[in-house]
Amino acid sequence: MKYSELGNTGIITSNICFGSLTMTPFQSNLTVKEGAYLIEYAFDRGINFIDTAQLYNNYNYIREALKGFSRNDLIISTKSYAWNRRLAEEALEEALKELSTDYIDIFLLHEQESELTIKGHYEALEFFKEAKKRGYIRALGLSTHRISGVLGANKYPELELIHPILNKNGLGIGDGNVKEMIKALKESKKLGKGIYSMKPLGGGHLIKDIKESFNFLNELDFIDSIAVGMQSIEEIDCNISLINEGIYPEELKEKLSLKQRKLIVEEYCTGCGNCVKRCNQDALKISNGISTVDYNKCVLCGYCATVCPDFYIKVV
């Protein structure tokens, strides 16, 4: 496993980050025991970096996994949509309590779209800055699906980390193409910011080009780590091989290539429209009274499922 510092934060992470959304009730719905085992397995294979969020509702998976090794050995990054001080304080308290830890390594403003969005969340950021000074947070940053979000972060020195969507085809980038995103991120790197990317396979759309997709990211020297959603031992082994050796193991290729994830909307959908409003990819619409999916746009983030009041949406 390769390790490097995230920007100028002093935080040393593996070049693979365990994306934990895929194990949650919104996707594979693993039990806590199953999810914790995968985290422990990944850690034993050298992955010391995990990405989660207040939204994911999976702190208990990580807390259970931490019983098997030292807290200081695992780098935890979480995210929150908090926009004011009260919500930020609640988000931090929840993370500390549910993870059973005294500190969070990385706290991100979740899904920031631009400089204006950052300004709208700055009261929360001010609280997180204070919490960092008190030792409860080690580094601050934001996650974004937009080039304008990266450019906005570049204007704020206190935002030390950027977690952007990035893949070889630019799938999921909300306001431009992959070349424009790379240009913005190269500027971030010059400013000393740490970068760990997300959605290397564009929500599964690039699964047939998996080797080329990881090679594309590996060749970008400004990326410190790549966050990959993983929900099985086979996926962990495969991702480690692809990212660190550029090899797609033959014994795993057939099994994994057959696994096609998909966003499912149950026929019982009431057409409330919450998911349509929540989708930043414009991949959902109400048709004939129910929600329908444009699979060419969907990146399988699963965020729509979190706002369905009847739990009729799931990534399977």
Protein backbone atom coordinates (compact mmCIF):
# COMPACT_ATOMS: atom_id res chain seq x y z
CA MET A 1 0.00 0.00 0.00
CA LYS A 2 1.17 3.52 -0.77
CA TYR A 3 0.76 6.36 1.72
CA SER A 4 1.07 10.11 1.43
CA GLU A 5 0.17 13.33 3.19
CA LEU A 6 -3.18 14.93 2.39
CA GLY A 7 -2.01 18.32 1.18
CA ASN A 8 -0.37 20.21 4.02
CA THR A 9 -2.56 18.75 6.77
CA GLY A 10 0.02 16.41 8.28
CA ILE A 11 -2.50 13.57 7.89
CA ILE A 12 -0.97 10.48 6.29
CA THR A 13 -3.40 8.23 4.42
CA SER A 14 -3.40 5.23 2.13
CA ASN A 15 -3.86 6.04 -1.55
CA ILE A 16 -7.17 4.18 -1.34
CA CYS A 17 -10.03 5.52 0.76
CA PHE A 18 -12.81 3.16 1.84
CA GLY A 19 -16.07 4.69 0.59
CA SER A 20 -18.58 3.47 3.14
CA LEU A 21 -21.91 4.60 1.63
CA THR A 22 -22.31 1.34 -0.30
CA MET A 23 -22.68 -0.75 2.86
CA THR A 24 -25.52 1.32 4.30
CA PRO A 25 -29.29 0.67 4.36
CA PHE A 26 -29.54 2.92 1.28
CA GLN A 27 -27.53 0.45 -0.79
CA SER A 28 -26.33 -3.08 0.08
CA ASN A 29 -27.82 -2.89 3.60
CA LEU A 30 -25.10 -4.94 5.27
CA THR A 31 -25.49 -5.75 8.93
CA VAL A 32 -23.26 -3.85 11.35
CA LYS A 33 -21.23 -7.01 11.88
CA GLU A 34 -20.77 -7.53 8.14
CA GLY A 35 -19.84 -3.92 7.51
CA ALA A 36 -17.40 -3.80 10.42
CA TYR A 37 -15.73 -6.96 9.16
CA LEU A 38 -15.14 -5.38 5.74
CA ILE A 39 -13.60 -2.28 7.33
CA GLU A 40 -11.32 -4.49 9.43
CA TYR A 41 -10.38 -6.55 6.37
CA ALA A 42 -9.54 -3.41 4.38
CA PHE A 43 -7.49 -2.12 7.30
CA ASP A 44 -5.56 -5.38 7.47
CA ARG A 45 -4.85 -4.98 3.75
CA GLY A 46 -3.38 -1.53 4.44
CA ILE A 47 -6.31 0.85 3.87
CA ASN A 48 -6.22 3.29 6.80
CA PHE A 49 -8.65 5.90 5.43
CA ILE A 50 -12.47 5.77 5.51
CA ASP A 51 -15.04 8.25 4.20
CA THR A 52 -18.47 8.59 5.77
CA ALA A 53 -21.08 11.30 6.39
CA GLN A 54 -23.78 12.29 8.82
CA LEU A 55 -26.26 11.46 6.05
CA TYR A 56 -25.02 7.88 5.62
CA ASN A 57 -26.21 6.74 9.05
CA ASN A 58 -23.36 4.25 9.36
CA TYR A 59 -21.20 5.51 12.21
CA ASN A 60 -22.09 2.33 14.11
CA TYR A 61 -20.33 0.22 11.46
CA ILE A 62 -17.10 2.16 11.98
CA ARG A 63 -17.45 2.18 15.77
CA GLU A 64 -17.77 -1.60 15.75
CA ALA A 65 -14.74 -1.98 13.47
CA LEU A 66 -12.64 0.24 15.74
CA LYS A 67 -12.91 -2.35 18.49
CA GLY A 68 -10.40 -4.38 16.51
CA PHE A 69 -7.59 -1.82 16.29
CA SER A 70 -6.36 1.50 17.63
CA ARG A 71 -8.40 4.63 16.90
CA ASN A 72 -5.22 6.53 16.01
CA ASP A 73 -4.49 4.07 13.21
CA LEU A 74 -7.64 4.89 11.23
CA ILE A 75 -8.22 8.22 9.45
CA ILE A 76 -11.93 9.11 9.52
CA SER A 77 -13.46 11.72 7.25
CA THR A 78 -17.08 12.71 7.70
CA LYS A 79 -19.37 15.32 6.17
CA SER A 80 -22.37 17.44 7.13
CA TYR A 81 -24.89 19.72 5.44
CA ALA A 82 -24.90 21.95 8.53
CA TRP A 83 -25.21 25.63 7.59
CA ASN A 84 -25.40 27.32 10.98
CA ARG A 85 -23.65 26.98 14.34
CA ARG A 86 -26.34 24.91 16.03
CA LEU A 87 -26.49 22.32 13.26
CA ALA A 88 -22.69 22.18 13.05
CA GLU A 89 -22.40 21.62 16.80
CA GLU A 90 -25.01 18.86 16.63
CA ALA A 91 -23.22 17.22 13.69
CA LEU A 92 -19.89 17.17 15.50
CA GLU A 93 -21.42 15.93 18.75
CA GLU A 94 -23.20 13.14 16.86
CA ALA A 95 -20.00 12.06 15.10
CA LEU A 96 -17.95 12.03 18.31
CA LYS A 97 -20.61 10.15 20.25
CA GLU A 98 -21.63 7.61 17.61
CA LEU A 99 -18.03 6.87 16.60
CA SER A 100 -17.01 6.75 20.27
CA THR A 101 -13.99 8.95 19.64
CA ASP A 102 -12.45 12.11 21.05
CA TYR A 103 -11.74 13.66 17.65
CA ILE A 104 -12.56 13.55 13.95
CA ASP A 105 -9.64 13.58 11.54
CA ILE A 106 -11.45 15.36 8.69
CA PHE A 107 -14.72 17.28 8.68
CA LEU A 108 -16.16 18.38 5.34
CA LEU A 109 -18.96 20.69 4.29
CA HIS A 110 -21.11 18.30 2.27
CA GLU A 111 -21.91 18.91 -1.44
CA GLN A 112 -20.83 22.52 -1.78
CA GLU A 113 -21.75 23.94 -5.19
CA SER A 114 -19.87 27.23 -5.36
CA GLU A 115 -18.36 30.12 -3.45
CA LEU A 116 -21.92 31.29 -2.72
CA THR A 117 -22.78 27.94 -1.13
CA ILE A 118 -19.68 28.15 1.05
CA LYS A 119 -20.68 31.65 2.15
CA GLY A 120 -24.14 30.31 2.99
CA HIS A 121 -22.53 27.65 5.22
CA TYR A 122 -19.85 29.86 6.70
CA GLU A 123 -21.46 30.08 10.14
CA ALA A 124 -21.08 26.29 10.37
CA LEU A 125 -17.52 26.53 9.08
CA GLU A 126 -16.70 29.08 11.78
CA PHE A 127 -17.83 26.60 14.42
CA PHE A 128 -15.77 23.81 12.85
CA LYS A 129 -12.75 26.12 12.84
CA GLU A 130 -13.21 26.71 16.57
CA ALA A 131 -13.58 22.96 17.13
CA LYS A 132 -10.36 22.40 15.25
CA LYS A 133 -8.54 24.84 17.53
CA ARG A 134 -9.87 22.89 20.52
CA GLY A 135 -8.56 19.61 19.08
CA TYR A 136 -11.84 17.99 18.10
CA ILE A 137 -11.09 18.19 14.36
CA ARG A 138 -7.73 17.83 12.62
CA ALA A 139 -8.55 19.25 9.16
CA LEU A 140 -11.42 20.94 7.32
CA GLY A 141 -12.63 20.84 3.73
CA LEU A 142 -15.57 20.26 1.44
CA SER A 143 -17.02 17.73 -0.97
CA THR A 144 -18.38 18.80 -4.35
CA HIS A 145 -19.68 17.56 -7.69
CA ARG A 146 -18.96 20.91 -9.33
CA ILE A 147 -15.98 22.76 -10.73
CA SER A 148 -17.41 25.93 -9.18
CA GLY A 149 -17.24 24.18 -5.81
CA VAL A 150 -13.52 23.53 -6.28
CA LEU A 151 -12.92 27.10 -7.42
CA GLY A 152 -14.84 28.34 -4.39
CA ALA A 153 -12.75 26.23 -2.03
CA ASN A 154 -9.59 27.63 -3.59
CA LYS A 155 -10.54 31.04 -2.21
CA TYR A 156 -10.71 29.82 1.40
CA PRO A 157 -7.38 28.89 3.03
CA GLU A 158 -9.22 27.31 5.97
CA LEU A 159 -10.62 24.68 3.58
CA GLU A 160 -7.58 22.42 3.51
CA LEU A 161 -9.12 19.46 1.70
CA ILE A 162 -11.27 18.91 -1.38
CA HIS A 163 -13.28 15.75 -2.06
CA PRO A 164 -14.37 16.13 -5.72
CA ILE A 165 -16.10 13.84 -8.17
CA LEU A 166 -13.59 12.80 -10.83
CA ASN A 167 -13.44 10.04 -13.44
CA LYS A 168 -12.07 9.67 -16.94
CA ASN A 169 -15.33 10.59 -18.67
CA GLY A 170 -16.30 13.42 -16.32
CA LEU A 171 -19.51 11.62 -15.36
CA GLY A 172 -21.39 13.41 -12.57
CA ILE A 173 -19.59 16.74 -12.91
CA GLY A 174 -22.46 19.19 -12.69
CA ASP A 175 -21.09 22.21 -14.51
CA GLY A 176 -18.39 21.27 -17.00
CA ASN A 177 -16.06 18.57 -18.23
CA VAL A 178 -13.18 16.52 -16.90
CA LYS A 179 -10.49 18.82 -18.36
CA GLU A 180 -11.99 21.82 -16.60
CA MET A 181 -12.22 19.91 -13.33
CA ILE A 182 -8.58 18.84 -13.60
CA LYS A 183 -7.50 22.42 -14.26
CA ALA A 184 -9.32 23.63 -11.13
CA LEU A 185 -7.87 20.82 -9.00
CA LYS A 186 -4.33 21.49 -10.19
CA GLU A 187 -4.76 25.03 -8.88
CA SER A 188 -5.99 23.57 -5.58
CA LYS A 189 -2.86 21.48 -5.35
CA LYS A 190 -0.66 24.52 -5.96
CA LEU A 191 -2.41 26.13 -3.00
CA GLY A 192 -1.38 23.17 -0.82
CA LYS A 193 -4.80 21.57 -0.52
CA GLY A 194 -5.23 17.85 -0.09
CA ILE A 195 -7.37 16.07 -2.69
CA TYR A 196 -9.12 12.75 -2.44
CA SER A 197 -11.45 12.01 -5.32
CA MET A 198 -14.76 10.13 -5.50
CA LYS A 199 -16.76 8.15 -8.08
CA PRO A 200 -13.82 6.74 -10.09
CA LEU A 201 -16.27 4.53 -11.99
CA GLY A 202 -18.97 7.19 -12.41
CA GLY A 203 -21.55 5.34 -10.35
CA GLY A 204 -20.89 2.06 -12.16
CA HIS A 205 -21.16 3.41 -15.71
CA LEU A 206 -17.45 2.78 -16.28
CA ILE A 207 -17.33 -0.72 -14.82
CA LYS A 208 -16.48 -2.15 -18.26
CA ASP A 209 -13.51 0.23 -18.39
CA ILE A 210 -12.44 -0.38 -14.81
CA LYS A 211 -8.73 -0.80 -15.50
CA GLU A 212 -8.55 2.27 -17.75
CA SER A 213 -10.58 4.26 -15.22
CA PHE A 214 -8.17 3.60 -12.37
CA ASN A 215 -5.13 4.08 -14.59
CA PHE A 216 -6.50 7.50 -15.55
CA LEU A 217 -6.65 8.58 -11.90
CA ASN A 218 -3.32 6.99 -11.03
CA GLU A 219 -1.62 9.16 -13.63
CA LEU A 220 -2.92 12.38 -12.03
CA ASP A 221 -0.18 13.37 -9.60
CA PHE A 222 -2.34 15.87 -7.71
CA ILE A 223 -4.63 13.20 -6.24
CA ASP A 224 -3.60 12.02 -2.77
CA SER A 225 -6.19 9.25 -2.41
CA ILE A 226 -9.09 7.72 -4.34
CA ALA A 227 -12.35 7.01 -2.50
CA VAL A 228 -14.00 3.83 -3.78
CA GLY A 229 -17.26 2.34 -2.58
CA MET A 230 -16.69 -1.24 -1.41
CA GLN A 231 -19.15 -3.83 -0.16
CA SER A 232 -17.30 -7.14 -0.45
CA ILE A 233 -13.89 -8.70 0.13
CA GLU A 234 -13.58 -9.26 -3.62
CA GLU A 235 -14.09 -5.56 -4.34
CA ILE A 236 -11.50 -4.60 -1.74
CA ASP A 237 -8.93 -7.00 -3.21
CA CYS A 238 -9.70 -5.90 -6.74
CA ASN A 239 -9.44 -2.18 -5.99
CA ILE A 240 -6.13 -2.61 -4.18
CA SER A 241 -4.73 -4.55 -7.13
CA LEU A 242 -5.99 -2.05 -9.71
CA ILE A 243 -4.84 1.08 -7.91
CA ASN A 244 -1.52 -0.16 -6.60
CA GLU A 245 -0.45 -2.57 -9.36
CA GLY A 246 -2.60 -1.71 -12.36
CA ILE A 247 -3.73 -5.33 -12.53
CA TYR A 248 -7.32 -6.59 -12.78
CA PRO A 249 -7.08 -10.10 -11.25
CA GLU A 250 -8.48 -12.71 -13.61
CA GLU A 251 -10.00 -14.68 -10.75
CA LEU A 252 -12.11 -11.66 -9.76
CA LYS A 253 -12.84 -10.20 -13.19
CA GLU A 254 -15.73 -12.43 -14.20
CA LYS A 255 -17.45 -12.27 -10.83
CA LEU A 256 -17.22 -8.50 -10.46
CA SER A 257 -17.99 -7.63 -14.07
CA LEU A 258 -21.32 -9.41 -13.77
CA LYS A 259 -22.38 -7.23 -10.85
CA GLN A 260 -24.36 -4.29 -12.20
CA ARG A 261 -25.78 -1.91 -9.62
CA LYS A 262 -28.98 -0.06 -10.33
CA LEU A 263 -31.28 2.50 -8.72
CA ILE A 264 -34.66 0.89 -8.09
CA VAL A 265 -37.91 2.78 -7.46
CA GLU A 266 -40.64 0.53 -6.09
CA GLU A 267 -43.99 0.48 -7.90
CA TYR A 268 -45.59 1.72 -4.68
CA CYS A 269 -43.95 5.16 -5.17
CA THR A 270 -46.42 7.93 -4.30
CA GLY A 271 -44.81 10.56 -6.52
CA CYS A 272 -44.12 13.03 -3.71
CA GLY A 273 -41.16 14.48 -5.65
CA ASN A 274 -38.69 14.64 -2.75
CA CYS A 275 -36.18 12.52 -4.66
CA VAL A 276 -36.46 14.69 -7.77
CA LYS A 277 -35.64 17.81 -5.77
CA ARG A 278 -32.76 16.03 -4.03
CA CYS A 279 -31.06 14.72 -7.18
CA ASN A 280 -28.18 16.97 -8.27
CA GLN A 281 -27.67 14.97 -11.48
CA ASP A 282 -31.16 15.70 -12.90
CA ALA A 283 -31.57 11.93 -13.20
CA LEU A 284 -35.08 11.68 -11.71
CA LYS A 285 -38.47 12.99 -12.77
CA ILE A 286 -42.12 12.34 -11.97
CA SER A 287 -43.85 10.51 -14.79
CA ASN A 288 -47.37 9.07 -14.61
CA GLY A 289 -47.43 9.80 -10.90
CA ILE A 290 -44.23 7.99 -9.91
CA SER A 291 -40.52 8.72 -9.89
CA THR A 292 -38.59 7.48 -12.93
CA VAL A 293 -34.83 7.19 -13.47
CA ASP A 294 -32.61 8.33 -16.34
CA TYR A 295 -29.88 5.71 -15.96
CA ASN A 296 -27.55 7.62 -18.28
CA LYS A 297 -27.39 10.43 -15.71
CA CYS A 298 -27.64 8.50 -12.42
CA VAL A 299 -24.30 8.10 -10.59
CA LEU A 300 -25.75 5.82 -7.88
CA CYS A 301 -24.95 8.16 -5.02
CA GLY A 302 -28.11 6.96 -3.28
CA TYR A 303 -28.85 10.38 -1.79
CA CYS A 304 -32.37 10.32 -3.25
CA ALA A 305 -33.14 7.30 -1.08
CA THR A 306 -32.42 9.29 2.06
CA VAL A 307 -35.35 11.66 1.43
CA CYS A 308 -37.94 9.06 0.39
CA PRO A 309 -40.45 9.07 3.27
CA ASP A 310 -41.60 5.54 2.46
CA PHE A 311 -38.18 3.97 1.67
CA TYR A 312 -39.26 3.07 -1.86
CA ILE A 313 -35.87 3.88 -3.42
CA LYS A 314 -32.70 1.84 -3.10
CA VAL A 315 -29.45 1.15 -4.94
CA VAL A 316 -29.14 -2.63 -5.43
